Amino acid sequence: MPTAGNARSSLLVQLSPSRNAKLSFTVQLVLTLFWLAWAIMLLLSDNPTNDQNYLYYIFFGLAVIFLGYVILQNTSVFGIQSYIEVTPEYIVQKNGVFRTKLITAIPDIEAVHVSPMALRITQRDGNKVYLDLKQIRKKRDIEKVKSRIRELSRLHNFEVTEANLA
């Protein structure tokens, strides 16, 4: 009997994609705002002999599109775009708007290795799935995900091993 519609049976934890980005959100935002300011300066400059004015509009349009992309990927202005969801039927990891969901069915899990900042899931068909917990914003949420996995292991009879923290 599926319980995915039951809000209490689902755990949704927001991720912070900027924590694993090569450039932090602040740097991306500053560079994009600089790009946008430069494009506006080019559009407002008086140069009537320039035949390439349409390129300035393209440059400005690309700056606006990239600003939207940076905000979409790194904030929850448009809703949660990056998350880990744990339900009684599946585990989903979504790393952003333009990335595919990584879905692991709970009955297909053979074992889960829990380390301080990751979950390594081994499926019954031999596939391995790695869930990076470094992107989770709060330590309390990391513990919620780990405890939910332990609960599900008792219900669905899969092995859970933990890394020694000694």
Protein backbone atom coordinates (compact mmCIF):
# COMPACT_ATOMS: atom_id res chain seq x y z
CA MET A 1 0.00 0.00 0.00
CA PRO A 2 1.77 3.20 -1.17
CA THR A 3 2.16 5.99 1.32
CA ALA A 4 3.96 8.56 -0.83
CA GLY A 5 1.02 10.95 -0.47
CA ASN A 6 1.31 10.89 3.30
CA ALA A 7 3.31 13.96 4.31
CA ARG A 8 4.48 12.38 7.57
CA SER A 9 6.05 9.41 5.79
CA SER A 10 8.20 11.61 3.55
CA LEU A 11 11.38 13.42 4.60
CA LEU A 12 12.48 16.29 2.33
CA VAL A 13 15.83 17.94 3.03
CA GLN A 14 17.02 20.97 1.06
CA LEU A 15 20.53 20.93 -0.42
CA SER A 16 22.86 23.84 -0.98
CA PRO A 17 24.39 23.37 -4.45
CA SER A 18 26.79 26.28 -3.97
CA ARG A 19 28.69 24.28 -1.33
CA ASN A 20 30.20 22.02 -3.97
CA ALA A 21 30.47 24.59 -6.79
CA LYS A 22 33.84 25.72 -8.07
CA LEU A 23 32.73 29.33 -7.55
CA SER A 24 30.64 30.25 -4.54
CA PHE A 25 27.17 31.74 -4.96
CA THR A 26 28.45 35.18 -3.92
CA VAL A 27 31.22 35.14 -6.54
CA GLN A 28 28.79 33.93 -9.22
CA LEU A 29 26.34 36.67 -8.29
CA VAL A 30 28.98 39.44 -8.27
CA LEU A 31 30.38 38.34 -11.65
CA THR A 32 26.88 38.18 -13.12
CA LEU A 33 25.97 41.62 -11.79
CA PHE A 34 29.21 42.98 -13.24
CA TRP A 35 28.32 41.38 -16.59
CA LEU A 36 24.84 42.91 -16.41
CA ALA A 37 26.22 46.37 -15.55
CA TRP A 38 28.68 46.16 -18.42
CA ALA A 39 25.90 45.19 -20.86
CA ILE A 40 23.75 48.11 -19.67
CA MET A 41 26.70 50.48 -20.03
CA LEU A 42 27.22 49.29 -23.62
CA LEU A 43 23.53 49.77 -24.42
CA LEU A 44 23.40 53.26 -22.96
CA SER A 45 26.64 54.50 -24.53
CA ASP A 46 26.11 56.97 -27.35
CA ASN A 47 27.76 55.51 -30.41
CA PRO A 48 25.54 56.18 -33.43
CA THR A 49 28.09 54.91 -35.96
CA ASN A 50 28.22 51.44 -34.43
CA ASP A 51 26.53 48.84 -36.65
CA GLN A 52 26.89 46.12 -34.03
CA ASN A 53 24.27 47.45 -31.61
CA TYR A 54 22.24 44.20 -31.88
CA LEU A 55 25.19 42.35 -30.31
CA TYR A 56 24.83 44.53 -27.21
CA TYR A 57 21.22 43.40 -26.86
CA ILE A 58 22.29 39.77 -27.20
CA PHE A 59 25.02 40.35 -24.59
CA PHE A 60 22.45 41.94 -22.24
CA GLY A 61 19.95 39.11 -22.82
CA LEU A 62 22.55 36.46 -22.02
CA ALA A 63 23.46 38.33 -18.81
CA VAL A 64 19.81 38.35 -17.70
CA ILE A 65 19.42 34.64 -18.52
CA PHE A 66 22.58 33.75 -16.59
CA LEU A 67 21.45 35.84 -13.61
CA GLY A 68 18.19 33.84 -13.58
CA TYR A 69 20.16 30.59 -13.78
CA VAL A 70 22.43 31.52 -10.85
CA ILE A 71 19.47 32.53 -8.69
CA LEU A 72 17.49 29.41 -9.64
CA GLN A 73 20.35 27.04 -8.82
CA ASN A 74 21.42 28.56 -5.52
CA THR A 75 18.34 29.96 -3.79
CA SER A 76 14.85 28.78 -3.01
CA VAL A 77 13.19 31.87 -4.50
CA PHE A 78 11.34 29.66 -6.98
CA GLY A 79 10.85 26.76 -4.55
CA ILE A 80 13.24 24.02 -3.47
CA GLN A 81 15.21 22.92 -6.52
CA SER A 82 17.91 20.78 -4.86
CA TYR A 83 16.91 18.20 -2.30
CA ILE A 84 17.12 14.69 -0.91
CA GLU A 85 13.75 13.05 -0.30
CA VAL A 86 13.37 9.83 1.67
CA THR A 87 10.00 8.05 1.55
CA PRO A 88 8.99 4.48 2.39
CA GLU A 89 9.16 3.59 -1.34
CA TYR A 90 12.19 5.46 -2.67
CA ILE A 91 15.11 7.83 -2.09
CA VAL A 92 15.43 10.76 -4.49
CA GLN A 93 18.37 13.11 -4.92
CA LYS A 94 17.88 16.19 -7.11
CA ASN A 95 20.89 18.47 -7.55
CA GLY A 96 19.28 21.43 -9.28
CA VAL A 97 16.75 22.62 -11.78
CA PHE A 98 18.48 21.40 -14.91
CA ARG A 99 19.73 18.09 -13.54
CA THR A 100 17.96 14.75 -13.53
CA LYS A 101 16.63 13.10 -10.39
CA LEU A 102 18.54 10.14 -9.01
CA ILE A 103 15.86 7.71 -7.81
CA THR A 104 16.59 4.58 -5.77
CA ALA A 105 13.72 2.25 -4.92
CA ILE A 106 13.83 1.06 -1.28
CA PRO A 107 13.03 -2.60 -2.14
CA ASP A 108 16.04 -2.63 -4.51
CA ILE A 109 18.50 -1.73 -1.74
CA GLU A 110 20.78 -4.49 -0.47
CA ALA A 111 23.04 -2.44 1.82
CA VAL A 112 23.76 1.13 2.90
CA HIS A 113 27.10 2.32 4.24
CA VAL A 114 26.70 5.46 6.36
CA SER A 115 29.70 7.74 6.72
CA PRO A 116 29.73 11.17 8.39
CA MET A 117 28.98 13.08 5.17
CA ALA A 118 27.75 10.47 2.67
CA LEU A 119 25.54 7.46 2.08
CA ARG A 120 26.82 4.70 -0.18
CA ILE A 121 23.91 2.55 -1.34
CA THR A 122 24.46 -0.89 -2.89
CA GLN A 123 21.49 -2.16 -4.87
CA ARG A 124 20.52 -5.80 -5.30
CA ASP A 125 21.64 -5.72 -8.95
CA GLY A 126 25.14 -4.59 -7.90
CA ASN A 127 24.81 -0.90 -8.81
CA LYS A 128 26.22 1.58 -6.33
CA VAL A 129 24.65 4.96 -5.62
CA TYR A 130 26.51 7.70 -3.74
CA LEU A 131 24.51 10.37 -1.91
CA ASP A 132 26.63 13.35 -0.88
CA LEU A 133 25.41 14.79 2.43
CA LYS A 134 27.89 17.72 2.44
CA GLN A 135 25.33 19.84 0.65
CA ILE A 136 22.74 19.52 3.43
CA ARG A 137 22.51 22.86 5.20
CA LYS A 138 21.95 21.70 8.81
CA LYS A 139 23.58 18.93 10.86
CA ARG A 140 20.17 18.14 12.34
CA ASP A 141 18.88 17.39 8.82
CA ILE A 142 21.84 15.07 8.16
CA GLU A 143 20.93 13.12 11.28
CA LYS A 144 17.27 13.00 10.20
CA VAL A 145 18.26 11.42 6.87
CA LYS A 146 20.54 8.88 8.56
CA SER A 147 17.94 7.91 11.18
CA ARG A 148 15.26 7.59 8.48
CA ILE A 149 17.55 5.21 6.54
CA ARG A 150 18.08 3.15 9.73
CA GLU A 151 14.28 2.95 10.25
CA LEU A 152 13.75 1.83 6.66
CA SER A 153 16.46 -0.82 7.01
CA ARG A 154 14.48 -2.47 9.79
CA LEU A 155 11.29 -2.38 7.72
CA HIS A 156 12.81 -3.58 4.44
CA ASN A 157 15.57 -5.85 5.76
CA PHE A 158 18.66 -4.30 4.22
CA GLU A 159 22.03 -4.01 5.91
CA VAL A 160 23.26 -0.70 7.32
CA THR A 161 26.93 -0.29 8.21
CA GLU A 162 28.48 2.79 9.74
CA ALA A 163 31.95 4.23 9.42
CA ASN A 164 34.07 4.16 12.55
CA LEU A 165 34.52 7.71 13.77
CA ALA A 166 37.38 6.86 16.13
